[in-house]
Amino acid sequence: MKNIVYFNELSLGIKEAIKKLFSERTPEIISFPFQGRHMKGFFFMWENITYLIIKSEIVRSGNSTIELDLLTERVR
């Protein structure tokens, strides 16, 4: 998929639409590999293009697992 993106890479119009989505409901979050890392995100359709928006990265440190939130702007 060519449209795997971080939230901060999106245009203002798409960011506003995602904020509206989060205010109305919580999208289904999925896990997926991306560039050798474990990510979580959600699908979002905008102007007939489907994006997979990266929401967080899962990092393992020893026996611990940490989820780093990558939505740099608060989405509410």
PDB file of N, CA and C in Angstrom:
ATOM      1  N   MET A   1       0.843  -1.169   0.000  1.00  0.00           N
ATOM      2  CA  MET A   1       0.000   0.000   0.000  1.00  0.00           C
ATOM      3  C   MET A   1       0.890   1.234   0.000  1.00  0.00           C
ATOM      4  N   LYS A   2       0.655   2.154  -0.890  1.00  0.00           N
ATOM      5  CA  LYS A   2       1.462   3.357  -1.011  1.00  0.00           C
ATOM      6  C   LYS A   2       1.020   4.453  -0.059  1.00  0.00           C
ATOM      7  N   ASN A   3      -0.142   4.323   0.506  1.00  0.00           N
ATOM      8  CA  ASN A   3      -0.717   5.413   1.293  1.00  0.00           C
ATOM      9  C   ASN A   3      -0.653   5.156   2.793  1.00  0.00           C
ATOM     10  N   ILE A   4       0.460   4.616   3.267  1.00  0.00           N
ATOM     11  CA  ILE A   4       0.683   4.483   4.702  1.00  0.00           C
ATOM     12  C   ILE A   4       1.371   5.771   5.142  1.00  0.00           C
ATOM     13  N   VAL A   5       0.730   6.525   6.024  1.00  0.00           N
ATOM     14  CA  VAL A   5       1.254   7.849   6.380  1.00  0.00           C
ATOM     15  C   VAL A   5       1.152   8.109   7.880  1.00  0.00           C
ATOM     16  N   TYR A   6       2.026   8.993   8.340  1.00  0.00           N
ATOM     17  CA  TYR A   6       1.941   9.516   9.697  1.00  0.00           C
ATOM     18  C   TYR A   6       0.956  10.682   9.681  1.00  0.00           C
ATOM     19  N   PHE A   7       0.264  10.894  10.787  1.00  0.00           N
ATOM     20  CA  PHE A   7      -0.733  11.950  10.893  1.00  0.00           C
ATOM     21  C   PHE A   7      -0.141  13.315  10.543  1.00  0.00           C
ATOM     22  N   ASN A   8       1.083  13.595  11.011  1.00  0.00           N
ATOM     23  CA  ASN A   8       1.666  14.919  10.786  1.00  0.00           C
ATOM     24  C   ASN A   8       2.046  15.158   9.327  1.00  0.00           C
ATOM     25  N   GLU A   9       2.028  14.134   8.476  1.00  0.00           N
ATOM     26  CA  GLU A   9       2.315  14.283   7.050  1.00  0.00           C
ATOM     27  C   GLU A   9       1.081  14.651   6.235  1.00  0.00           C
ATOM     28  N   LEU A  10      -0.078  14.630   6.850  1.00  0.00           N
ATOM     29  CA  LEU A  10      -1.329  14.857   6.136  1.00  0.00           C
ATOM     30  C   LEU A  10      -1.625  16.340   5.955  1.00  0.00           C
ATOM     31  N   SER A  11      -2.434  16.635   4.953  1.00  0.00           N
ATOM     32  CA  SER A  11      -2.859  18.015   4.726  1.00  0.00           C
ATOM     33  C   SER A  11      -3.837  18.441   5.824  1.00  0.00           C
ATOM     34  N   LEU A  12      -3.998  19.728   5.981  1.00  0.00           N
ATOM     35  CA  LEU A  12      -4.893  20.267   7.009  1.00  0.00           C
ATOM     36  C   LEU A  12      -6.323  19.760   6.821  1.00  0.00           C
ATOM     37  N   GLY A  13      -6.774  19.676   5.583  1.00  0.00           N
ATOM     38  CA  GLY A  13      -8.138  19.196   5.317  1.00  0.00           C
ATOM     39  C   GLY A  13      -8.368  17.772   5.801  1.00  0.00           C
ATOM     40  N   ILE A  14      -7.395  16.893   5.567  1.00  0.00           N
ATOM     41  CA  ILE A  14      -7.521  15.506   6.017  1.00  0.00           C
ATOM     42  C   ILE A  14      -7.442  15.443   7.539  1.00  0.00           C
ATOM     43  N   LYS A  15      -6.556  16.235   8.143  1.00  0.00           N
ATOM     44  CA  LYS A  15      -6.454  16.255   9.606  1.00  0.00           C
ATOM     45  C   LYS A  15      -7.778  16.673  10.237  1.00  0.00           C
ATOM     46  N   GLU A  16      -8.419  17.684   9.676  1.00  0.00           N
ATOM     47  CA  GLU A  16      -9.713  18.132  10.200  1.00  0.00           C
ATOM     48  C   GLU A  16     -10.769  17.037  10.067  1.00  0.00           C
ATOM     49  N   ALA A  17     -10.759  16.318   8.942  1.00  0.00           N
ATOM     50  CA  ALA A  17     -11.717  15.226   8.739  1.00  0.00           C
ATOM     51  C   ALA A  17     -11.474  14.099   9.743  1.00  0.00           C
ATOM     52  N   ILE A  18     -10.211  13.826  10.059  1.00  0.00           N
ATOM     53  CA  ILE A  18      -9.887  12.789  11.041  1.00  0.00           C
ATOM     54  C   ILE A  18     -10.328  13.228  12.430  1.00  0.00           C
ATOM     55  N   LYS A  19     -10.141  14.491  12.764  1.00  0.00           N
ATOM     56  CA  LYS A  19     -10.614  15.010  14.050  1.00  0.00           C
ATOM     57  C   LYS A  19     -12.127  14.843  14.171  1.00  0.00           C
ATOM     58  N   LYS A  20     -12.836  15.105  13.072  1.00  0.00           N
ATOM     59  CA  LYS A  20     -14.288  14.927  13.071  1.00  0.00           C
ATOM     60  C   LYS A  20     -14.643  13.452  13.277  1.00  0.00           C
ATOM     61  N   LEU A  21     -13.907  12.564  12.610  1.00  0.00           N
ATOM     62  CA  LEU A  21     -14.128  11.123  12.769  1.00  0.00           C
ATOM     63  C   LEU A  21     -13.976  10.726  14.233  1.00  0.00           C
ATOM     64  N   PHE A  22     -12.893  11.173  14.891  1.00  0.00           N
ATOM     65  CA  PHE A  22     -12.662  10.821  16.290  1.00  0.00           C
ATOM     66  C   PHE A  22     -13.716  11.425  17.215  1.00  0.00           C
ATOM     67  N   SER A  23     -14.299  12.557  16.833  1.00  0.00           N
ATOM     68  CA  SER A  23     -15.340  13.147  17.679  1.00  0.00           C
ATOM     69  C   SER A  23     -16.653  12.371  17.564  1.00  0.00           C
ATOM     70  N   GLU A  24     -16.856  11.700  16.440  1.00  0.00           N
ATOM     71  CA  GLU A  24     -18.089  10.952  16.213  1.00  0.00           C
ATOM     72  C   GLU A  24     -17.981   9.491  16.658  1.00  0.00           C
ATOM     73  N   ARG A  25     -16.797   8.914  16.489  1.00  0.00           N
ATOM     74  CA  ARG A  25     -16.588   7.513  16.865  1.00  0.00           C
ATOM     75  C   ARG A  25     -15.090   7.231  16.868  1.00  0.00           C
ATOM     76  N   THR A  26     -14.722   6.086  17.413  1.00  0.00           N
ATOM     77  CA  THR A  26     -13.330   5.654  17.418  1.00  0.00           C
ATOM     78  C   THR A  26     -13.147   4.651  16.285  1.00  0.00           C
ATOM     79  N   PRO A  27     -12.223   4.909  15.368  1.00  0.00           N
ATOM     80  CA  PRO A  27     -12.029   3.947  14.275  1.00  0.00           C
ATOM     81  C   PRO A  27     -11.407   2.650  14.791  1.00  0.00           C
ATOM     82  N   GLU A  28     -11.594   1.584  14.037  1.00  0.00           N
ATOM     83  CA  GLU A  28     -11.006   0.294  14.404  1.00  0.00           C
ATOM     84  C   GLU A  28      -9.493   0.374  14.198  1.00  0.00           C
ATOM     85  N   ILE A  29      -8.743   0.054  15.234  1.00  0.00           N
ATOM     86  CA  ILE A  29      -7.286   0.105  15.196  1.00  0.00           C
ATOM     87  C   ILE A  29      -6.752  -1.276  14.827  1.00  0.00           C
ATOM     88  N   ILE A  30      -5.819  -1.315  13.878  1.00  0.00           N
ATOM     89  CA  ILE A  30      -5.211  -2.572  13.458  1.00  0.00           C
ATOM     90  C   ILE A  30      -3.701  -2.510  13.679  1.00  0.00           C
ATOM     91  N   SER A  31      -3.075  -3.669  13.802  1.00  0.00           N
ATOM     92  CA  SER A  31      -1.622  -3.784  13.912  1.00  0.00           C
ATOM     93  C   SER A  31      -1.069  -4.181  12.553  1.00  0.00           C
ATOM     94  N   PHE A  32       0.125  -3.650  12.201  1.00  0.00           N
ATOM     95  CA  PHE A  32       0.739  -3.980  10.927  1.00  0.00           C
ATOM     96  C   PHE A  32       2.235  -3.663  10.971  1.00  0.00           C
ATOM     97  N   PRO A  33       3.030  -4.366  10.154  1.00  0.00           N
ATOM     98  CA  PRO A  33       4.450  -4.043  10.067  1.00  0.00           C
ATOM     99  C   PRO A  33       4.653  -2.884   9.088  1.00  0.00           C
ATOM    100  N   PHE A  34       5.608  -2.022   9.373  1.00  0.00           N
ATOM    101  CA  PHE A  34       5.935  -0.912   8.477  1.00  0.00           C
ATOM    102  C   PHE A  34       7.402  -0.566   8.663  1.00  0.00           C
ATOM    103  N   GLN A  35       8.160  -0.685   7.601  1.00  0.00           N
ATOM    104  CA  GLN A  35       9.592  -0.403   7.601  1.00  0.00           C
ATOM    105  C   GLN A  35      10.314  -1.121   8.741  1.00  0.00           C
ATOM    106  N   GLY A  36       9.971  -2.394   8.925  1.00  0.00           N
ATOM    107  CA  GLY A  36      10.623  -3.229   9.920  1.00  0.00           C
ATOM    108  C   GLY A  36      10.192  -2.971  11.357  1.00  0.00           C
ATOM    109  N   ARG A  37       9.155  -2.166  11.544  1.00  0.00           N
ATOM    110  CA  ARG A  37       8.670  -1.868  12.897  1.00  0.00           C
ATOM    111  C   ARG A  37       7.208  -2.296  13.021  1.00  0.00           C
ATOM    112  N   HIS A  38       6.756  -2.462  14.264  1.00  0.00           N
ATOM    113  CA  HIS A  38       5.377  -2.862  14.561  1.00  0.00           C
ATOM    114  C   HIS A  38       4.571  -1.598  14.828  1.00  0.00           C
ATOM    115  N   MET A  39       3.569  -1.343  13.998  1.00  0.00           N
ATOM    116  CA  MET A  39       2.747  -0.140  14.109  1.00  0.00           C
ATOM    117  C   MET A  39       1.296  -0.498  14.386  1.00  0.00           C
ATOM    118  N   LYS A  40       0.557   0.500  14.863  1.00  0.00           N
ATOM    119  CA  LYS A  40      -0.898   0.410  14.967  1.00  0.00           C
ATOM    120  C   LYS A  40      -1.467   1.631  14.250  1.00  0.00           C
ATOM    121  N   GLY A  41      -2.601   1.430  13.610  1.00  0.00           N
ATOM    122  CA  GLY A  41      -3.205   2.529  12.885  1.00  0.00           C
ATOM    123  C   GLY A  41      -4.620   2.204  12.471  1.00  0.00           C
ATOM    124  N   PHE A  42      -5.160   3.038  11.579  1.00  0.00           N
ATOM    125  CA  PHE A  42      -6.538   2.869  11.132  1.00  0.00           C
ATOM    126  C   PHE A  42      -6.660   3.323   9.683  1.00  0.00           C
ATOM    127  N   PHE A  43      -7.642   2.755   9.006  1.00  0.00           N
ATOM    128  CA  PHE A  43      -7.914   3.135   7.622  1.00  0.00           C
ATOM    129  C   PHE A  43      -8.792   4.377   7.609  1.00  0.00           C
ATOM    130  N   PHE A  44      -8.540   5.240   6.624  1.00  0.00           N
ATOM    131  CA  PHE A  44      -9.328   6.453   6.463  1.00  0.00           C
ATOM    132  C   PHE A  44      -9.432   6.743   4.973  1.00  0.00           C
ATOM    133  N   MET A  45     -10.662   6.937   4.489  1.00  0.00           N
ATOM    134  CA  MET A  45     -10.867   7.239   3.077  1.00  0.00           C
ATOM    135  C   MET A  45     -11.111   8.728   2.902  1.00  0.00           C
ATOM    136  N   TRP A  46     -10.379   9.331   1.962  1.00  0.00           N
ATOM    137  CA  TRP A  46     -10.498  10.762   1.677  1.00  0.00           C
ATOM    138  C   TRP A  46     -10.405  10.952   0.169  1.00  0.00           C
ATOM    139  N   GLU A  47     -11.434  11.504  -0.426  1.00  0.00           N
ATOM    140  CA  GLU A  47     -11.492  11.767  -1.866  1.00  0.00           C
ATOM    141  C   GLU A  47     -11.103  10.534  -2.684  1.00  0.00           C
ATOM    142  N   ASN A  48     -11.739   9.409  -2.364  1.00  0.00           N
ATOM    143  CA  ASN A  48     -11.566   8.132  -3.055  1.00  0.00           C
ATOM    144  C   ASN A  48     -10.165   7.544  -2.924  1.00  0.00           C
ATOM    145  N   ILE A  49      -9.391   7.988  -1.940  1.00  0.00           N
ATOM    146  CA  ILE A  49      -8.080   7.414  -1.651  1.00  0.00           C
ATOM    147  C   ILE A  49      -8.137   6.854  -0.238  1.00  0.00           C
ATOM    148  N   THR A  50      -7.728   5.601  -0.088  1.00  0.00           N
ATOM    149  CA  THR A  50      -7.695   4.976   1.235  1.00  0.00           C
ATOM    150  C   THR A  50      -6.298   5.134   1.818  1.00  0.00           C
ATOM    151  N   TYR A  51      -6.238   5.713   3.010  1.00  0.00           N
ATOM    152  CA  TYR A  51      -4.988   5.895   3.727  1.00  0.00           C
ATOM    153  C   TYR A  51      -4.960   4.953   4.920  1.00  0.00           C
ATOM    154  N   LEU A  52      -3.793   4.467   5.257  1.00  0.00           N
ATOM    155  CA  LEU A  52      -3.583   3.761   6.508  1.00  0.00           C
ATOM    156  C   LEU A  52      -2.796   4.740   7.369  1.00  0.00           C
ATOM    157  N   ILE A  53      -3.464   5.335   8.348  1.00  0.00           N
ATOM    158  CA  ILE A  53      -2.879   6.365   9.200  1.00  0.00           C
ATOM    159  C   ILE A  53      -2.171   5.684  10.366  1.00  0.00           C
ATOM    160  N   ILE A  54      -0.890   5.967  10.535  1.00  0.00           N
ATOM    161  CA  ILE A  54      -0.131   5.401  11.641  1.00  0.00           C
ATOM    162  C   ILE A  54      -0.495   6.155  12.914  1.00  0.00           C
ATOM    163  N   LYS A  55      -0.978   5.424  13.902  1.00  0.00           N
ATOM    164  CA  LYS A  55      -1.369   6.015  15.176  1.00  0.00           C
ATOM    165  C   LYS A  55      -0.286   5.850  16.232  1.00  0.00           C
ATOM    166  N   SER A  56       0.354   4.677  16.264  1.00  0.00           N
ATOM    167  CA  SER A  56       1.351   4.425  17.301  1.00  0.00           C
ATOM    168  C   SER A  56       2.344   3.366  16.839  1.00  0.00           C
ATOM    169  N   GLU A  57       3.482   3.339  17.530  1.00  0.00           N
ATOM    170  CA  GLU A  57       4.506   2.328  17.284  1.00  0.00           C
ATOM    171  C   GLU A  57       4.673   1.505  18.549  1.00  0.00           C
ATOM    172  N   ILE A  58       4.811   0.192  18.382  1.00  0.00           N
ATOM    173  CA  ILE A  58       5.016  -0.714  19.505  1.00  0.00           C
ATOM    174  C   ILE A  58       6.513  -0.984  19.608  1.00  0.00           C
ATOM    175  N   VAL A  59       7.081  -0.677  20.769  1.00  0.00           N
ATOM    176  CA  VAL A  59       8.511  -0.841  20.987  1.00  0.00           C
ATOM    177  C   VAL A  59       8.711  -1.836  22.121  1.00  0.00           C
ATOM    178  N   ARG A  60       9.588  -2.801  21.892  1.00  0.00           N
ATOM    179  CA  ARG A  60       9.914  -3.775  22.940  1.00  0.00           C
ATOM    180  C   ARG A  60      11.268  -3.422  23.527  1.00  0.00           C
ATOM    181  N   SER A  61      11.324  -3.413  24.840  1.00  0.00           N
ATOM    182  CA  SER A  61      12.563  -3.144  25.562  1.00  0.00           C
ATOM    183  C   SER A  61      12.692  -4.217  26.640  1.00  0.00           C
ATOM    184  N   GLY A  62      13.544  -5.190  26.392  1.00  0.00           N
ATOM    185  CA  GLY A  62      13.646  -6.313  27.318  1.00  0.00           C
ATOM    186  C   GLY A  62      12.340  -7.083  27.354  1.00  0.00           C
ATOM    187  N   ASN A  63      11.778  -7.227  28.548  1.00  0.00           N
ATOM    188  CA  ASN A  63      10.492  -7.909  28.698  1.00  0.00           C
ATOM    189  C   ASN A  63       9.312  -6.956  28.634  1.00  0.00           C
ATOM    190  N   SER A  64       9.576  -5.670  28.458  1.00  0.00           N
ATOM    191  CA  SER A  64       8.517  -4.667  28.438  1.00  0.00           C
ATOM    192  C   SER A  64       8.110  -4.310  27.015  1.00  0.00           C
ATOM    193  N   THR A  65       6.856  -3.946  26.870  1.00  0.00           N
ATOM    194  CA  THR A  65       6.334  -3.454  25.601  1.00  0.00           C
ATOM    195  C   THR A  65       5.739  -2.072  25.854  1.00  0.00           C
ATOM    196  N   ILE A  66       6.142  -1.119  25.017  1.00  0.00           N
ATOM    197  CA  ILE A  66       5.673   0.258  25.155  1.00  0.00           C
ATOM    198  C   ILE A  66       4.986   0.659  23.857  1.00  0.00           C
ATOM    199  N   GLU A  67       3.853   1.336  23.974  1.00  0.00           N
ATOM    200  CA  GLU A  67       3.165   1.862  22.797  1.00  0.00           C
ATOM    201  C   GLU A  67       3.396   3.366  22.747  1.00  0.00           C
ATOM    202  N   LEU A  68       4.102   3.828  21.717  1.00  0.00           N
ATOM    203  CA  LEU A  68       4.389   5.249  21.557  1.00  0.00           C
ATOM    204  C   LEU A  68       3.334   5.881  20.666  1.00  0.00           C
ATOM    205  N   ASP A  69       2.584   6.826  21.201  1.00  0.00           N
ATOM    206  CA  ASP A  69       1.542   7.509  20.443  1.00  0.00           C
ATOM    207  C   ASP A  69       2.210   8.470  19.466  1.00  0.00           C
ATOM    208  N   LEU A  70       1.910   8.331  18.180  1.00  0.00           N
ATOM    209  CA  LEU A  70       2.530   9.155  17.153  1.00  0.00           C
ATOM    210  C   LEU A  70       1.602  10.224  16.591  1.00  0.00           C
ATOM    211  N   LEU A  71       0.402  10.340  17.145  1.00  0.00           N
ATOM    212  CA  LEU A  71      -0.477  11.424  16.718  1.00  0.00           C
ATOM    213  C   LEU A  71       0.026  12.687  17.404  1.00  0.00           C
ATOM    214  N   THR A  72       0.783  13.478  16.669  1.00  0.00           N
ATOM    215  CA  THR A  72       1.453  14.614  17.277  1.00  0.00           C
ATOM    216  C   THR A  72       0.488  15.744  17.631  1.00  0.00           C
ATOM    217  N   GLU A  73      -0.651  15.743  17.004  1.00  0.00           N
ATOM    218  CA  GLU A  73      -1.671  16.738  17.330  1.00  0.00           C
ATOM    219  C   GLU A  73      -2.808  16.014  18.014  1.00  0.00           C
ATOM    220  N   ARG A  74      -3.329  16.603  19.028  1.00  0.00           N
ATOM    221  CA  ARG A  74      -4.413  15.955  19.755  1.00  0.00           C
ATOM    222  C   ARG A  74      -5.634  15.814  18.838  1.00  0.00           C
ATOM    223  N   VAL A  75      -6.125  14.600  18.718  1.00  0.00           N
ATOM    224  CA  VAL A  75      -7.284  14.307  17.876  1.00  0.00           C
ATOM    225  C   VAL A  75      -8.456  14.062  18.795  1.00  0.00           C
ATOM    226  N   ARG A  76      -9.378  15.000  18.829  1.00  0.00           N
ATOM    227  CA  ARG A  76     -10.588  14.859  19.648  1.00  0.00           C
ATOM    228  C   ARG A  76     -11.763  15.441  18.937  1.00  0.00           C
TER     229      ARG A  76
END
